[in-house]
Amino acid sequence: MNILVYIVVVLFFFVLILVGVYNSSDVTVNLLAWHVGPVPMGAVMATAAIFGVAFACTIGVIDGIKIRITNRQLRKQLRRIEEEADALRLRLARHEGPPGGPDGRETSS
């Protein structure tokens, strides 16, 4: 599965490079009060792709941290429930007594 992801990423950047090379005209970038230009279209596309990948990686890291925290909490909860189950099994084993009835006598039919 990881190999497929790597292939898709390499293919994406290869297409990005091709589009950037074939669209080498200069453009002006306007972001609110910030104006940059003229800049080659390929550079704008590469910058946008890099920022997009960085943003997606940041989201992924934050999501991974949340998953690890949740897993840790669930492991603690599972450990506590297993300890409670063991304690209940032990109490049940102590109160069962010998086989045959509650007072230890065999019952006949």
C-alpha atoms as a PDB file:
ATOM      1  CA  MET A   1       0.000   0.000   0.000  1.00  0.00           C
ATOM      2  CA  ASN A   2       2.841   2.412   0.806  1.00  0.00           C
ATOM      3  CA  ILE A   3       4.384   1.794  -2.598  1.00  0.00           C
ATOM      4  CA  LEU A   4       1.120   2.828  -4.266  1.00  0.00           C
ATOM      5  CA  VAL A   5       1.079   6.074  -2.274  1.00  0.00           C
ATOM      6  CA  TYR A   6       4.673   6.820  -3.268  1.00  0.00           C
ATOM      7  CA  ILE A   7       3.893   6.154  -6.928  1.00  0.00           C
ATOM      8  CA  VAL A   8       0.875   8.483  -6.824  1.00  0.00           C
ATOM      9  CA  VAL A   9       2.928  11.250  -5.134  1.00  0.00           C
ATOM     10  CA  VAL A  10       5.756  10.940  -7.676  1.00  0.00           C
ATOM     11  CA  LEU A  11       3.227  10.944 -10.518  1.00  0.00           C
ATOM     12  CA  PHE A  12       1.548  14.055  -9.073  1.00  0.00           C
ATOM     13  CA  PHE A  13       4.828  15.960  -8.879  1.00  0.00           C
ATOM     14  CA  PHE A  14       5.840  14.780 -12.356  1.00  0.00           C
ATOM     15  CA  VAL A  15       2.572  16.145 -13.801  1.00  0.00           C
ATOM     16  CA  LEU A  16       3.069  19.348 -11.796  1.00  0.00           C
ATOM     17  CA  ILE A  17       6.549  19.798 -13.282  1.00  0.00           C
ATOM     18  CA  LEU A  18       5.256  19.143 -16.812  1.00  0.00           C
ATOM     19  CA  VAL A  19       2.448  21.670 -16.451  1.00  0.00           C
ATOM     20  CA  GLY A  20       4.873  24.186 -14.962  1.00  0.00           C
ATOM     21  CA  VAL A  21       7.341  23.764 -17.831  1.00  0.00           C
ATOM     22  CA  TYR A  22       4.660  24.095 -20.521  1.00  0.00           C
ATOM     23  CA  ASN A  23       3.078  27.142 -18.805  1.00  0.00           C
ATOM     24  CA  SER A  24       6.135  29.293 -18.293  1.00  0.00           C
ATOM     25  CA  SER A  25       4.407  32.638 -18.761  1.00  0.00           C
ATOM     26  CA  ASP A  26       4.658  35.205 -15.994  1.00  0.00           C
ATOM     27  CA  VAL A  27       1.732  35.921 -13.698  1.00  0.00           C
ATOM     28  CA  THR A  28       1.005  38.332 -10.856  1.00  0.00           C
ATOM     29  CA  VAL A  29      -0.216  36.881  -7.563  1.00  0.00           C
ATOM     30  CA  ASN A  30      -2.631  39.053  -5.570  1.00  0.00           C
ATOM     31  CA  LEU A  31      -3.501  38.033  -2.015  1.00  0.00           C
ATOM     32  CA  LEU A  32      -5.530  40.742  -0.248  1.00  0.00           C
ATOM     33  CA  ALA A  33      -2.999  43.557   0.280  1.00  0.00           C
ATOM     34  CA  TRP A  34       0.002  41.494  -0.859  1.00  0.00           C
ATOM     35  CA  HIS A  35       1.031  41.593  -4.532  1.00  0.00           C
ATOM     36  CA  VAL A  36       3.836  39.495  -6.024  1.00  0.00           C
ATOM     37  CA  GLY A  37       4.829  39.450  -9.606  1.00  0.00           C
ATOM     38  CA  PRO A  38       5.585  38.906 -12.266  1.00  0.00           C
ATOM     39  CA  VAL A  39       6.425  35.323 -11.297  1.00  0.00           C
ATOM     40  CA  PRO A  40       6.628  32.251 -13.573  1.00  0.00           C
ATOM     41  CA  MET A  41       3.460  30.140 -13.478  1.00  0.00           C
ATOM     42  CA  GLY A  42       5.518  27.026 -12.671  1.00  0.00           C
ATOM     43  CA  ALA A  43       6.921  28.669  -9.547  1.00  0.00           C
ATOM     44  CA  VAL A  44       3.425  29.646  -8.396  1.00  0.00           C
ATOM     45  CA  MET A  45       2.158  26.112  -8.967  1.00  0.00           C
ATOM     46  CA  ALA A  46       5.144  24.547  -7.192  1.00  0.00           C
ATOM     47  CA  THR A  47       4.739  26.888  -4.228  1.00  0.00           C
ATOM     48  CA  ALA A  48       1.028  26.133  -4.021  1.00  0.00           C
ATOM     49  CA  ALA A  49       1.729  22.383  -4.162  1.00  0.00           C
ATOM     50  CA  ILE A  50       4.400  22.603  -1.447  1.00  0.00           C
ATOM     51  CA  PHE A  51       2.105  24.599   0.840  1.00  0.00           C
ATOM     52  CA  GLY A  52      -0.734  22.147   0.140  1.00  0.00           C
ATOM     53  CA  VAL A  53       1.416  19.141   1.001  1.00  0.00           C
ATOM     54  CA  ALA A  54       2.685  20.870   4.156  1.00  0.00           C
ATOM     55  CA  PHE A  55      -0.872  21.679   5.227  1.00  0.00           C
ATOM     56  CA  ALA A  56      -2.039  18.097   4.583  1.00  0.00           C
ATOM     57  CA  CYS A  57       0.946  16.719   6.525  1.00  0.00           C
ATOM     58  CA  THR A  58       0.170  19.016   9.449  1.00  0.00           C
ATOM     59  CA  ILE A  59      -3.440  17.843   9.490  1.00  0.00           C
ATOM     60  CA  GLY A  60      -2.231  14.227   9.351  1.00  0.00           C
ATOM     61  CA  VAL A  61       0.186  14.688  12.238  1.00  0.00           C
ATOM     62  CA  ILE A  62      -2.489  16.340  14.389  1.00  0.00           C
ATOM     63  CA  ASP A  63      -4.922  13.537  13.571  1.00  0.00           C
ATOM     64  CA  GLY A  64      -2.266  10.928  14.404  1.00  0.00           C
ATOM     65  CA  ILE A  65      -1.625  12.560  17.779  1.00  0.00           C
ATOM     66  CA  LYS A  66      -5.362  12.507  18.536  1.00  0.00           C
ATOM     67  CA  ILE A  67      -5.553   8.822  17.595  1.00  0.00           C
ATOM     68  CA  ARG A  68      -2.578   7.977  19.844  1.00  0.00           C
ATOM     69  CA  ILE A  69      -4.144   9.829  22.785  1.00  0.00           C
ATOM     70  CA  THR A  70      -7.457   8.024  22.251  1.00  0.00           C
ATOM     71  CA  ASN A  71      -5.680   4.655  21.973  1.00  0.00           C
ATOM     72  CA  ARG A  72      -3.814   5.302  25.220  1.00  0.00           C
ATOM     73  CA  GLN A  73      -7.087   6.146  26.999  1.00  0.00           C
ATOM     74  CA  LEU A  74      -8.781   3.042  25.587  1.00  0.00           C
ATOM     75  CA  ARG A  75      -5.867   0.813  26.656  1.00  0.00           C
ATOM     76  CA  LYS A  76      -6.134   2.191  30.207  1.00  0.00           C
ATOM     77  CA  GLN A  77      -9.887   1.616  30.203  1.00  0.00           C
ATOM     78  CA  LEU A  78      -9.438  -1.927  28.880  1.00  0.00           C
ATOM     79  CA  ARG A  79      -6.810  -2.676  31.542  1.00  0.00           C
ATOM     80  CA  ARG A  80      -9.141  -1.387  34.272  1.00  0.00           C
ATOM     81  CA  ILE A  81     -12.080  -3.444  32.961  1.00  0.00           C
ATOM     82  CA  GLU A  82      -9.913  -6.577  32.742  1.00  0.00           C
ATOM     83  CA  GLU A  83      -8.795  -6.058  36.341  1.00  0.00           C
ATOM     84  CA  GLU A  84     -12.434  -5.677  37.428  1.00  0.00           C
ATOM     85  CA  ALA A  85     -13.364  -8.860  35.525  1.00  0.00           C
ATOM     86  CA  ASP A  86     -10.504 -10.759  37.164  1.00  0.00           C
ATOM     87  CA  ALA A  87     -11.597  -9.528  40.599  1.00  0.00           C
ATOM     88  CA  LEU A  88     -15.182 -10.595  39.908  1.00  0.00           C
ATOM     89  CA  ARG A  89     -14.026 -14.030  38.708  1.00  0.00           C
ATOM     90  CA  LEU A  90     -11.977 -14.427  41.877  1.00  0.00           C
ATOM     91  CA  ARG A  91     -14.929 -13.431  44.082  1.00  0.00           C
ATOM     92  CA  LEU A  92     -17.181 -15.843  42.187  1.00  0.00           C
ATOM     93  CA  ALA A  93     -14.658 -18.683  42.567  1.00  0.00           C
ATOM     94  CA  ARG A  94     -14.392 -18.046  46.327  1.00  0.00           C
ATOM     95  CA  HIS A  95     -18.161 -18.024  46.851  1.00  0.00           C
ATOM     96  CA  GLU A  96     -18.987 -21.034  44.688  1.00  0.00           C
ATOM     97  CA  GLY A  97     -17.766 -23.611  47.166  1.00  0.00           C
ATOM     98  CA  PRO A  98     -17.445 -27.342  46.453  1.00  0.00           C
ATOM     99  CA  PRO A  99     -19.538 -28.896  43.696  1.00  0.00           C
ATOM    100  CA  GLY A 100     -22.917 -30.401  44.533  1.00  0.00           C
ATOM    101  CA  GLY A 101     -24.794 -27.533  46.126  1.00  0.00           C
ATOM    102  CA  PRO A 102     -24.488 -24.446  48.248  1.00  0.00           C
ATOM    103  CA  ASP A 103     -23.937 -26.404  51.483  1.00  0.00           C
ATOM    104  CA  GLY A 104     -21.490 -28.877  49.974  1.00  0.00           C
ATOM    105  CA  ARG A 105     -23.815 -31.929  50.100  1.00  0.00           C
ATOM    106  CA  GLU A 106     -24.488 -34.088  47.096  1.00  0.00           C
ATOM    107  CA  THR A 107     -28.046 -34.045  45.898  1.00  0.00           C
ATOM    108  CA  SER A 108     -29.612 -37.292  44.692  1.00  0.00           C
ATOM    109  CA  SER A 109     -32.373 -37.677  42.170  1.00  0.00           C
END
